[in-house]
Amino acid sequence: AHADDAVVERRTLPVLVEFADSAFQHP
């Protein structure tokens, strides 16, 4: 692609996911 004056904004969603048998040790 070619860059120009336009700014690309990427709305990003980190999601903390746990399982039925495994959770974060230090949430």
mmCIF file of all heavy atoms, coordinates in Angstrom:
data_MODEL
# 
_entry.id   MODEL 
# 
loop_
_atom_site.group_PDB 
_atom_site.id 
_atom_site.type_symbol 
_atom_site.label_atom_id 
_atom_site.label_alt_id 
_atom_site.label_comp_id 
_atom_site.label_asym_id 
_atom_site.label_entity_id 
_atom_site.label_seq_id 
_atom_site.pdbx_PDB_ins_code 
_atom_site.Cartn_x 
_atom_site.Cartn_y 
_atom_site.Cartn_z 
_atom_site.occupancy 
_atom_site.B_iso_or_equiv 
_atom_site.pdbx_formal_charge 
_atom_site.auth_seq_id 
_atom_site.auth_comp_id 
_atom_site.auth_asym_id 
_atom_site.auth_atom_id 
_atom_site.pdbx_PDB_model_num 
ATOM 1   N N   . ALA A 1 1  ? 0.849   -1.186  0.000  1.00 0.00 ? 1  ALA A N   1 
ATOM 2   C CA  . ALA A 1 1  ? 0.000   0.000   0.000  1.00 0.00 ? 1  ALA A CA  1 
ATOM 3   C C   . ALA A 1 1  ? 0.879   1.227   0.000  1.00 0.00 ? 1  ALA A C   1 
ATOM 4   O O   . ALA A 1 1  ? 2.084   1.154   0.227  1.00 0.00 ? 1  ALA A O   1 
ATOM 5   C CB  . ALA A 1 1  ? -0.914  -0.013  1.225  1.00 0.00 ? 1  ALA A CB  1 
ATOM 6   N N   . HIS A 1 2  ? 0.304   2.389   -0.281 1.00 0.00 ? 2  HIS A N   1 
ATOM 7   C CA  . HIS A 1 2  ? 1.061   3.628   -0.302 1.00 0.00 ? 2  HIS A CA  1 
ATOM 8   C C   . HIS A 1 2  ? 0.603   4.518   0.836  1.00 0.00 ? 2  HIS A C   1 
ATOM 9   O O   . HIS A 1 2  ? -0.586  4.741   1.037  1.00 0.00 ? 2  HIS A O   1 
ATOM 10  C CB  . HIS A 1 2  ? 0.878   4.350   -1.635 1.00 0.00 ? 2  HIS A CB  1 
ATOM 11  C CG  . HIS A 1 2  ? 1.429   3.583   -2.805 1.00 0.00 ? 2  HIS A CG  1 
ATOM 12  N ND1 . HIS A 1 2  ? 2.772   3.403   -3.005 1.00 0.00 ? 2  HIS A ND1 1 
ATOM 13  C CD2 . HIS A 1 2  ? 0.807   2.921   -3.814 1.00 0.00 ? 2  HIS A CD2 1 
ATOM 14  C CE1 . HIS A 1 2  ? 2.958   2.682   -4.108 1.00 0.00 ? 2  HIS A CE1 1 
ATOM 15  N NE2 . HIS A 1 2  ? 1.788   2.360   -4.605 1.00 0.00 ? 2  HIS A NE2 1 
ATOM 16  N N   . ALA A 1 3  ? 1.580   5.016   1.587  1.00 0.00 ? 3  ALA A N   1 
ATOM 17  C CA  . ALA A 1 3  ? 1.246   5.893   2.696  1.00 0.00 ? 3  ALA A CA  1 
ATOM 18  C C   . ALA A 1 3  ? 0.852   7.270   2.173  1.00 0.00 ? 3  ALA A C   1 
ATOM 19  O O   . ALA A 1 3  ? 1.336   7.737   1.156  1.00 0.00 ? 3  ALA A O   1 
ATOM 20  C CB  . ALA A 1 3  ? 2.452   6.010   3.629  1.00 0.00 ? 3  ALA A CB  1 
ATOM 21  N N   . ASP A 1 4  ? -0.035  7.915   2.866  1.00 0.00 ? 4  ASP A N   1 
ATOM 22  C CA  . ASP A 1 4  ? -0.377  9.301   2.565  1.00 0.00 ? 4  ASP A CA  1 
ATOM 23  C C   . ASP A 1 4  ? -0.621  10.000  3.888  1.00 0.00 ? 4  ASP A C   1 
ATOM 24  O O   . ASP A 1 4  ? -0.141  9.566   4.926  1.00 0.00 ? 4  ASP A O   1 
ATOM 25  C CB  . ASP A 1 4  ? -1.592  9.376   1.621  1.00 0.00 ? 4  ASP A CB  1 
ATOM 26  C CG  . ASP A 1 4  ? -2.778  8.572   2.144  1.00 0.00 ? 4  ASP A CG  1 
ATOM 27  O OD1 . ASP A 1 4  ? -2.890  8.421   3.383  1.00 0.00 ? 4  ASP A OD1 1 
ATOM 28  O OD2 . ASP A 1 4  ? -3.581  8.106   1.327  1.00 0.00 ? 4  ASP A OD2 1 
ATOM 29  N N   . ASP A 1 5  ? -1.334  11.118  3.866  1.00 0.00 ? 5  ASP A N   1 
ATOM 30  C CA  . ASP A 1 5  ? -1.557  11.875  5.087  1.00 0.00 ? 5  ASP A CA  1 
ATOM 31  C C   . ASP A 1 5  ? -2.607  11.238  5.984  1.00 0.00 ? 5  ASP A C   1 
ATOM 32  O O   . ASP A 1 5  ? -2.788  11.664  7.128  1.00 0.00 ? 5  ASP A O   1 
ATOM 33  C CB  . ASP A 1 5  ? -1.981  13.309  4.746  1.00 0.00 ? 5  ASP A CB  1 
ATOM 34  C CG  . ASP A 1 5  ? -0.844  14.078  4.070  1.00 0.00 ? 5  ASP A CG  1 
ATOM 35  O OD1 . ASP A 1 5  ? 0.322   13.728  4.329  1.00 0.00 ? 5  ASP A OD1 1 
ATOM 36  O OD2 . ASP A 1 5  ? -1.131  15.001  3.295  1.00 0.00 ? 5  ASP A OD2 1 
ATOM 37  N N   . ALA A 1 6  ? -3.332  10.246  5.494  1.00 0.00 ? 6  ALA A N   1 
ATOM 38  C CA  . ALA A 1 6  ? -4.387  9.614   6.281  1.00 0.00 ? 6  ALA A CA  1 
ATOM 39  C C   . ALA A 1 6  ? -3.778  8.809   7.427  1.00 0.00 ? 6  ALA A C   1 
ATOM 40  O O   . ALA A 1 6  ? -2.722  8.198   7.286  1.00 0.00 ? 6  ALA A O   1 
ATOM 41  C CB  . ALA A 1 6  ? -5.241  8.722   5.404  1.00 0.00 ? 6  ALA A CB  1 
ATOM 42  N N   . VAL A 1 7  ? -4.450  8.814   8.563  1.00 0.00 ? 7  VAL A N   1 
ATOM 43  C CA  . VAL A 1 7  ? -4.018  8.053   9.723  1.00 0.00 ? 7  VAL A CA  1 
ATOM 44  C C   . VAL A 1 7  ? -4.969  6.880   9.909  1.00 0.00 ? 7  VAL A C   1 
ATOM 45  O O   . VAL A 1 7  ? -6.186  7.063   9.970  1.00 0.00 ? 7  VAL A O   1 
ATOM 46  C CB  . VAL A 1 7  ? -4.012  8.925   10.990 1.00 0.00 ? 7  VAL A CB  1 
ATOM 47  C CG1 . VAL A 1 7  ? -3.674  8.080   12.218 1.00 0.00 ? 7  VAL A CG1 1 
ATOM 48  C CG2 . VAL A 1 7  ? -3.002  10.072  10.845 1.00 0.00 ? 7  VAL A CG2 1 
ATOM 49  N N   . VAL A 1 8  ? -4.417  5.672   9.981  1.00 0.00 ? 8  VAL A N   1 
ATOM 50  C CA  . VAL A 1 8  ? -5.213  4.480   10.229 1.00 0.00 ? 8  VAL A CA  1 
ATOM 51  C C   . VAL A 1 8  ? -5.306  4.284   11.739 1.00 0.00 ? 8  VAL A C   1 
ATOM 52  O O   . VAL A 1 8  ? -4.286  4.203   12.427 1.00 0.00 ? 8  VAL A O   1 
ATOM 53  C CB  . VAL A 1 8  ? -4.589  3.238   9.574  1.00 0.00 ? 8  VAL A CB  1 
ATOM 54  C CG1 . VAL A 1 8  ? -5.364  1.985   9.974  1.00 0.00 ? 8  VAL A CG1 1 
ATOM 55  C CG2 . VAL A 1 8  ? -4.556  3.391   8.064  1.00 0.00 ? 8  VAL A CG2 1 
ATOM 56  N N   . GLU A 1 9  ? -6.528  4.216   12.253 1.00 0.00 ? 9  GLU A N   1 
ATOM 57  C CA  . GLU A 1 9  ? -6.735  3.973   13.671 1.00 0.00 ? 9  GLU A CA  1 
ATOM 58  C C   . GLU A 1 9  ? -7.313  2.582   13.856 1.00 0.00 ? 9  GLU A C   1 
ATOM 59  O O   . GLU A 1 9  ? -8.371  2.262   13.322 1.00 0.00 ? 9  GLU A O   1 
ATOM 60  C CB  . GLU A 1 9  ? -7.682  5.019   14.267 1.00 0.00 ? 9  GLU A CB  1 
ATOM 61  C CG  . GLU A 1 9  ? -7.896  4.863   15.763 1.00 0.00 ? 9  GLU A CG  1 
ATOM 62  C CD  . GLU A 1 9  ? -8.737  5.978   16.357 1.00 0.00 ? 9  GLU A CD  1 
ATOM 63  O OE1 . GLU A 1 9  ? -8.362  7.154   16.201 1.00 0.00 ? 9  GLU A OE1 1 
ATOM 64  O OE2 . GLU A 1 9  ? -9.784  5.656   16.952 1.00 0.00 ? 9  GLU A OE2 1 
ATOM 65  N N   . ARG A 1 10 ? -6.597  1.758   14.594 1.00 0.00 ? 10 ARG A N   1 
ATOM 66  C CA  . ARG A 1 10 ? -7.011  0.367   14.790 1.00 0.00 ? 10 ARG A CA  1 
ATOM 67  C C   . ARG A 1 10 ? -7.556  0.204   16.205 1.00 0.00 ? 10 ARG A C   1 
ATOM 68  O O   . ARG A 1 10 ? -6.806  0.173   17.192 1.00 0.00 ? 10 ARG A O   1 
ATOM 69  C CB  . ARG A 1 10 ? -5.811  -0.555  14.581 1.00 0.00 ? 10 ARG A CB  1 
ATOM 70  C CG  . ARG A 1 10 ? -6.182  -2.026  14.417 1.00 0.00 ? 10 ARG A CG  1 
ATOM 71  C CD  . ARG A 1 10 ? -6.836  -2.285  13.097 1.00 0.00 ? 10 ARG A CD  1 
ATOM 72  N NE  . ARG A 1 10 ? -7.129  -3.704  12.909 1.00 0.00 ? 10 ARG A NE  1 
ATOM 73  C CZ  . ARG A 1 10 ? -7.830  -4.181  11.902 1.00 0.00 ? 10 ARG A CZ  1 
ATOM 74  N NH1 . ARG A 1 10 ? -8.324  -3.350  10.999 1.00 0.00 ? 10 ARG A NH1 1 
ATOM 75  N NH2 . ARG A 1 10 ? -8.052  -5.467  11.779 1.00 0.00 ? 10 ARG A NH2 1 
ATOM 76  N N   . ARG A 1 11 ? -8.885  0.117   16.325 1.00 0.00 ? 11 ARG A N   1 
ATOM 77  C CA  . ARG A 1 11 ? -9.512  -0.050  17.634 1.00 0.00 ? 11 ARG A CA  1 
ATOM 78  C C   . ARG A 1 11 ? -9.269  -1.485  18.107 1.00 0.00 ? 11 ARG A C   1 
ATOM 79  O O   . ARG A 1 11 ? -9.773  -2.436  17.523 1.00 0.00 ? 11 ARG A O   1 
ATOM 80  C CB  . ARG A 1 11 ? -11.007 0.243   17.548 1.00 0.00 ? 11 ARG A CB  1 
ATOM 81  C CG  . ARG A 1 11 ? -11.356 1.662   17.111 1.00 0.00 ? 11 ARG A CG  1 
ATOM 82  C CD  . ARG A 1 11 ? -12.847 1.757   16.821 1.00 0.00 ? 11 ARG A CD  1 
ATOM 83  N NE  . ARG A 1 11 ? -13.233 0.796   15.783 1.00 0.00 ? 11 ARG A NE  1 
ATOM 84  C CZ  . ARG A 1 11 ? -14.490 0.420   15.550 1.00 0.00 ? 11 ARG A CZ  1 
ATOM 85  N NH1 . ARG A 1 11 ? -15.474 0.897   16.293 1.00 0.00 ? 11 ARG A NH1 1 
ATOM 86  N NH2 . ARG A 1 11 ? -14.760 -0.441  14.579 1.00 0.00 ? 11 ARG A NH2 1 
ATOM 87  N N   . THR A 1 12 ? -8.503  -1.603  19.164 1.00 0.00 ? 12 THR A N   1 
ATOM 88  C CA  . THR A 1 12 ? -8.026  -2.908  19.603 1.00 0.00 ? 12 THR A CA  1 
ATOM 89  C C   . THR A 1 12 ? -8.648  -3.288  20.946 1.00 0.00 ? 12 THR A C   1 
ATOM 90  O O   . THR A 1 12 ? -8.704  -2.472  21.861 1.00 0.00 ? 12 THR A O   1 
ATOM 91  C CB  . THR A 1 12 ? -6.492  -2.889  19.723 1.00 0.00 ? 12 THR A CB  1 
ATOM 92  O OG1 . THR A 1 12 ? -5.939  -2.580  18.428 1.00 0.00 ? 12 THR A OG1 1 
ATOM 93  C CG2 . THR A 1 12 ? -5.952  -4.219  20.200 1.00 0.00 ? 12 THR A CG2 1 
ATOM 94  N N   . LEU A 1 13 ? -9.106  -4.541  21.024 1.00 0.00 ? 13 LEU A N   1 
ATOM 95  C CA  . LEU A 1 13 ? -9.751  -5.033  22.234 1.00 0.00 ? 13 LEU A CA  1 
ATOM 96  C C   . LEU A 1 13 ? -8.988  -6.238  22.784 1.00 0.00 ? 13 LEU A C   1 
ATOM 97  O O   . LEU A 1 13 ? -9.157  -7.361  22.309 1.00 0.00 ? 13 LEU A O   1 
ATOM 98  C CB  . LEU A 1 13 ? -11.199 -5.425  21.950 1.00 0.00 ? 13 LEU A CB  1 
ATOM 99  C CG  . LEU A 1 13 ? -12.011 -5.927  23.156 1.00 0.00 ? 13 LEU A CG  1 
ATOM 100 C CD1 . LEU A 1 13 ? -12.079 -4.881  24.258 1.00 0.00 ? 13 LEU A CD1 1 
ATOM 101 C CD2 . LEU A 1 13 ? -13.414 -6.350  22.726 1.00 0.00 ? 13 LEU A CD2 1 
ATOM 102 N N   . PRO A 1 14 ? -8.119  -6.030  23.780 1.00 0.00 ? 14 PRO A N   1 
ATOM 103 C CA  . PRO A 1 14 ? -7.552  -7.175  24.486 1.00 0.00 ? 14 PRO A CA  1 
ATOM 104 C C   . PRO A 1 14 ? -8.629  -7.784  25.387 1.00 0.00 ? 14 PRO A C   1 
ATOM 105 O O   . PRO A 1 14 ? -9.363  -7.053  26.068 1.00 0.00 ? 14 PRO A O   1 
ATOM 106 C CB  . PRO A 1 14 ? -6.418  -6.565  25.329 1.00 0.00 ? 14 PRO A CB  1 
ATOM 107 C CG  . PRO A 1 14 ? -6.238  -5.162  24.815 1.00 0.00 ? 14 PRO A CG  1 
ATOM 108 C CD  . PRO A 1 14 ? -7.562  -4.749  24.269 1.00 0.00 ? 14 PRO A CD  1 
ATOM 109 N N   . VAL A 1 15 ? -8.735  -9.092  25.402 1.00 0.00 ? 15 VAL A N   1 
ATOM 110 C CA  . VAL A 1 15 ? -9.729  -9.776  26.224 1.00 0.00 ? 15 VAL A CA  1 
ATOM 111 C C   . VAL A 1 15 ? -9.027  -10.810 27.089 1.00 0.00 ? 15 VAL A C   1 
ATOM 112 O O   . VAL A 1 15 ? -8.287  -11.659 26.580 1.00 0.00 ? 15 VAL A O   1 
ATOM 113 C CB  . VAL A 1 15 ? -10.798 -10.478 25.357 1.00 0.00 ? 15 VAL A CB  1 
ATOM 114 C CG1 . VAL A 1 15 ? -11.844 -11.144 26.246 1.00 0.00 ? 15 VAL A CG1 1 
ATOM 115 C CG2 . VAL A 1 15 ? -11.459 -9.500  24.409 1.00 0.00 ? 15 VAL A CG2 1 
ATOM 116 N N   . LEU A 1 16 ? -9.236  -10.727 28.377 1.00 0.00 ? 16 LEU A N   1 
ATOM 117 C CA  . LEU A 1 16 ? -8.689  -11.724 29.290 1.00 0.00 ? 16 LEU A CA  1 
ATOM 118 C C   . LEU A 1 16 ? -9.633  -12.910 29.302 1.00 0.00 ? 16 LEU A C   1 
ATOM 119 O O   . LEU A 1 16 ? -10.815 -12.777 29.644 1.00 0.00 ? 16 LEU A O   1 
ATOM 120 C CB  . LEU A 1 16 ? -8.542  -11.139 30.690 1.00 0.00 ? 16 LEU A CB  1 
ATOM 121 C CG  . LEU A 1 16 ? -7.719  -9.836  30.790 1.00 0.00 ? 16 LEU A CG  1 
ATOM 122 C CD1 . LEU A 1 16 ? -7.572  -9.411  32.236 1.00 0.00 ? 16 LEU A CD1 1 
ATOM 123 C CD2 . LEU A 1 16 ? -6.364  -9.994  30.120 1.00 0.00 ? 16 LEU A CD2 1 
ATOM 124 N N   . VAL A 1 17 ? -9.110  -14.066 28.903 1.00 0.00 ? 17 VAL A N   1 
ATOM 125 C CA  . VAL A 1 17 ? -9.931  -15.264 28.733 1.00 0.00 ? 17 VAL A CA  1 
ATOM 126 C C   . VAL A 1 17 ? -9.453  -16.345 29.693 1.00 0.00 ? 17 VAL A C   1 
ATOM 127 O O   . VAL A 1 17 ? -8.251  -16.646 29.768 1.00 0.00 ? 17 VAL A O   1 
ATOM 128 C CB  . VAL A 1 17 ? -9.837  -15.777 27.278 1.00 0.00 ? 17 VAL A CB  1 
ATOM 129 C CG1 . VAL A 1 17 ? -10.543 -17.116 27.146 1.00 0.00 ? 17 VAL A CG1 1 
ATOM 130 C CG2 . VAL A 1 17 ? -10.422 -14.763 26.317 1.00 0.00 ? 17 VAL A CG2 1 
ATOM 131 N N   . GLU A 1 18 ? -10.375 -16.921 30.429 1.00 0.00 ? 18 GLU A N   1 
ATOM 132 C CA  . GLU A 1 18 ? -10.066 -18.046 31.303 1.00 0.00 ? 18 GLU A CA  1 
ATOM 133 C C   . GLU A 1 18 ? -10.876 -19.265 30.856 1.00 0.00 ? 18 GLU A C   1 
ATOM 134 O O   . GLU A 1 18 ? -11.822 -19.142 30.067 1.00 0.00 ? 18 GLU A O   1 
ATOM 135 C CB  . GLU A 1 18 ? -10.381 -17.696 32.753 1.00 0.00 ? 18 GLU A CB  1 
ATOM 136 C CG  . GLU A 1 18 ? -9.518  -16.552 33.292 1.00 0.00 ? 18 GLU A CG  1 
ATOM 137 C CD  . GLU A 1 18 ? -9.814  -16.197 34.730 1.00 0.00 ? 18 GLU A CD  1 
ATOM 138 O OE1 . GLU A 1 18 ? -10.995 -16.302 35.139 1.00 0.00 ? 18 GLU A OE1 1 
ATOM 139 O OE2 . GLU A 1 18 ? -8.870  -15.805 35.438 1.00 0.00 ? 18 GLU A OE2 1 
ATOM 140 N N   . PHE A 1 19 ? -10.481 -20.437 31.350 1.00 0.00 ? 19 PHE A N   1 
ATOM 141 C CA  . PHE A 1 19 ? -11.145 -21.678 30.981 1.00 0.00 ? 19 PHE A CA  1 
ATOM 142 C C   . PHE A 1 19 ? -11.903 -22.241 32.188 1.00 0.00 ? 19 PHE A C   1 
ATOM 143 O O   . PHE A 1 19 ? -11.682 -21.826 33.333 1.00 0.00 ? 19 PHE A O   1 
ATOM 144 C CB  . PHE A 1 19 ? -10.124 -22.695 30.482 1.00 0.00 ? 19 PHE A CB  1 
ATOM 145 C CG  . PHE A 1 19 ? -9.310  -22.227 29.312 1.00 0.00 ? 19 PHE A CG  1 
ATOM 146 C CD1 . PHE A 1 19 ? -7.989  -21.830 29.484 1.00 0.00 ? 19 PHE A CD1 1 
ATOM 147 C CD2 . PHE A 1 19 ? -9.862  -22.156 28.047 1.00 0.00 ? 19 PHE A CD2 1 
ATOM 148 C CE1 . PHE A 1 19 ? -7.230  -21.387 28.416 1.00 0.00 ? 19 PHE A CE1 1 
ATOM 149 C CE2 . PHE A 1 19 ? -9.112  -21.704 26.963 1.00 0.00 ? 19 PHE A CE2 1 
ATOM 150 C CZ  . PHE A 1 19 ? -7.798  -21.319 27.151 1.00 0.00 ? 19 PHE A CZ  1 
ATOM 151 N N   . ALA A 1 20 ? -12.747 -23.189 31.924 1.00 0.00 ? 20 ALA A N   1 
ATOM 152 C CA  . ALA A 1 20 ? -13.524 -23.796 33.003 1.00 0.00 ? 20 ALA A CA  1 
ATOM 153 C C   . ALA A 1 20 ? -12.627 -24.443 34.045 1.00 0.00 ? 20 ALA A C   1 
ATOM 154 O O   . ALA A 1 20 ? -12.975 -24.498 35.231 1.00 0.00 ? 20 ALA A O   1 
ATOM 155 C CB  . ALA A 1 20 ? -14.495 -24.827 32.423 1.00 0.00 ? 20 ALA A CB  1 
ATOM 156 N N   . ASP A 1 21 ? -11.446 -24.912 33.619 1.00 0.00 ? 21 ASP A N   1 
ATOM 157 C CA  . ASP A 1 21 ? -10.545 -25.601 34.550 1.00 0.00 ? 21 ASP A CA  1 
ATOM 158 C C   . ASP A 1 21 ? -9.223  -24.868 34.759 1.00 0.00 ? 21 ASP A C   1 
ATOM 159 O O   . ASP A 1 21 ? -8.285  -25.426 35.330 1.00 0.00 ? 21 ASP A O   1 
ATOM 160 C CB  . ASP A 1 21 ? -10.259 -27.023 34.048 1.00 0.00 ? 21 ASP A CB  1 
ATOM 161 C CG  . ASP A 1 21 ? -9.509  -27.030 32.721 1.00 0.00 ? 21 ASP A CG  1 
ATOM 162 O OD1 . ASP A 1 21 ? -9.526  -25.983 32.023 1.00 0.00 ? 21 ASP A OD1 1 
ATOM 163 O OD2 . ASP A 1 21 ? -8.898  -28.061 32.384 1.00 0.00 ? 21 ASP A OD2 1 
ATOM 164 N N   . SER A 1 22 ? -9.104  -23.621 34.274 1.00 0.00 ? 22 SER A N   1 
ATOM 165 C CA  . SER A 1 22 ? -7.831  -22.906 34.396 1.00 0.00 ? 22 SER A CA  1 
ATOM 166 C C   . SER A 1 22 ? -8.062  -21.398 34.393 1.00 0.00 ? 22 SER A C   1 
ATOM 167 O O   . SER A 1 22 ? -8.645  -20.864 33.448 1.00 0.00 ? 22 SER A O   1 
ATOM 168 C CB  . SER A 1 22 ? -6.889  -23.295 33.245 1.00 0.00 ? 22 SER A CB  1 
ATOM 169 O OG  . SER A 1 22 ? -5.665  -22.604 33.349 1.00 0.00 ? 22 SER A OG  1 
ATOM 170 N N   . ALA A 1 23 ? -7.590  -20.736 35.458 1.00 0.00 ? 23 ALA A N   1 
ATOM 171 C CA  . ALA A 1 23 ? -7.724  -19.289 35.574 1.00 0.00 ? 23 ALA A CA  1 
ATOM 172 C C   . ALA A 1 23 ? -6.339  -18.668 35.745 1.00 0.00 ? 23 ALA A C   1 
ATOM 173 O O   . ALA A 1 23 ? -5.347  -19.367 35.980 1.00 0.00 ? 23 ALA A O   1 
ATOM 174 C CB  . ALA A 1 23 ? -8.611  -18.929 36.769 1.00 0.00 ? 23 ALA A CB  1 
ATOM 175 N N   . PHE A 1 24 ? -6.236  -17.345 35.593 1.00 0.00 ? 24 PHE A N   1 
ATOM 176 C CA  . PHE A 1 24 ? -4.973  -16.651 35.802 1.00 0.00 ? 24 PHE A CA  1 
ATOM 177 C C   . PHE A 1 24 ? -4.519  -16.831 37.246 1.00 0.00 ? 24 PHE A C   1 
ATOM 178 O O   . PHE A 1 24 ? -5.317  -16.698 38.188 1.00 0.00 ? 24 PHE A O   1 
ATOM 179 C CB  . PHE A 1 24 ? -5.111  -15.156 35.493 1.00 0.00 ? 24 PHE A CB  1 
ATOM 180 C CG  . PHE A 1 24 ? -5.346  -14.853 34.042 1.00 0.00 ? 24 PHE A CG  1 
ATOM 181 C CD1 . PHE A 1 24 ? -6.594  -14.417 33.614 1.00 0.00 ? 24 PHE A CD1 1 
ATOM 182 C CD2 . PHE A 1 24 ? -4.335  -15.003 33.110 1.00 0.00 ? 24 PHE A CD2 1 
ATOM 183 C CE1 . PHE A 1 24 ? -6.821  -14.140 32.276 1.00 0.00 ? 24 PHE A CE1 1 
ATOM 184 C CE2 . PHE A 1 24 ? -4.552  -14.728 31.771 1.00 0.00 ? 24 PHE A CE2 1 
ATOM 185 C CZ  . PHE A 1 24 ? -5.794  -14.301 31.343 1.00 0.00 ? 24 PHE A CZ  1 
ATOM 186 N N   . GLN A 1 25 ? -3.241  -17.119 37.442 1.00 0.00 ? 25 GLN A N   1 
ATOM 187 C CA  . GLN A 1 25 ? -2.715  -17.308 38.786 1.00 0.00 ? 25 GLN A CA  1 
ATOM 188 C C   . GLN A 1 25 ? -2.642  -15.996 39.562 1.00 0.00 ? 25 GLN A C   1 
ATOM 189 O O   . GLN A 1 25 ? -2.754  -15.975 40.785 1.00 0.00 ? 25 GLN A O   1 
ATOM 190 C CB  . GLN A 1 25 ? -1.332  -17.966 38.716 1.00 0.00 ? 25 GLN A CB  1 
ATOM 191 C CG  . GLN A 1 25 ? -1.366  -19.398 38.200 1.00 0.00 ? 25 GLN A CG  1 
ATOM 192 C CD  . GLN A 1 25 ? 0.018   -20.016 38.161 1.00 0.00 ? 25 GLN A CD  1 
ATOM 193 O OE1 . GLN A 1 25 ? 1.027   -19.336 38.006 1.00 0.00 ? 25 GLN A OE1 1 
ATOM 194 N NE2 . GLN A 1 25 ? 0.068   -21.340 38.306 1.00 0.00 ? 25 GLN A NE2 1 
ATOM 195 N N   . HIS A 1 26 ? -2.409  -14.896 38.825 1.00 0.00 ? 26 HIS A N   1 
ATOM 196 C CA  . HIS A 1 26 ? -2.304  -13.575 39.451 1.00 0.00 ? 26 HIS A CA  1 
ATOM 197 C C   . HIS A 1 26 ? -3.191  -12.594 38.670 1.00 0.00 ? 26 HIS A C   1 
ATOM 198 O O   . HIS A 1 26 ? -2.694  -11.727 37.957 1.00 0.00 ? 26 HIS A O   1 
ATOM 199 C CB  . HIS A 1 26 ? -0.861  -13.102 39.471 1.00 0.00 ? 26 HIS A CB  1 
ATOM 200 C CG  . HIS A 1 26 ? 0.090   -14.062 40.136 1.00 0.00 ? 26 HIS A CG  1 
ATOM 201 N ND1 . HIS A 1 26 ? 0.161   -14.204 41.498 1.00 0.00 ? 26 HIS A ND1 1 
ATOM 202 C CD2 . HIS A 1 26 ? 0.987   -14.928 39.602 1.00 0.00 ? 26 HIS A CD2 1 
ATOM 203 C CE1 . HIS A 1 26 ? 1.074   -15.129 41.790 1.00 0.00 ? 26 HIS A CE1 1 
ATOM 204 N NE2 . HIS A 1 26 ? 1.596   -15.578 40.661 1.00 0.00 ? 26 HIS A NE2 1 
ATOM 205 N N   . PRO A 1 27 ? -4.508  -12.731 38.784 1.00 0.00 ? 27 PRO A N   1 
ATOM 206 C CA  . PRO A 1 27 ? -5.422  -11.939 37.954 1.00 0.00 ? 27 PRO A CA  1 
ATOM 207 C C   . PRO A 1 27 ? -5.260  -10.430 38.124 1.00 0.00 ? 27 PRO A C   1 
ATOM 208 O O   . PRO A 1 27 ? -5.372  -9.690  37.150 1.00 0.00 ? 27 PRO A O   1 
ATOM 209 C CB  . PRO A 1 27 ? -6.807  -12.418 38.399 1.00 0.00 ? 27 PRO A CB  1 
ATOM 210 C CG  . PRO A 1 27 ? -6.597  -13.042 39.746 1.00 0.00 ? 27 PRO A CG  1 
ATOM 211 C CD  . PRO A 1 27 ? -5.234  -13.633 39.711 1.00 0.00 ? 27 PRO A CD  1 
# 
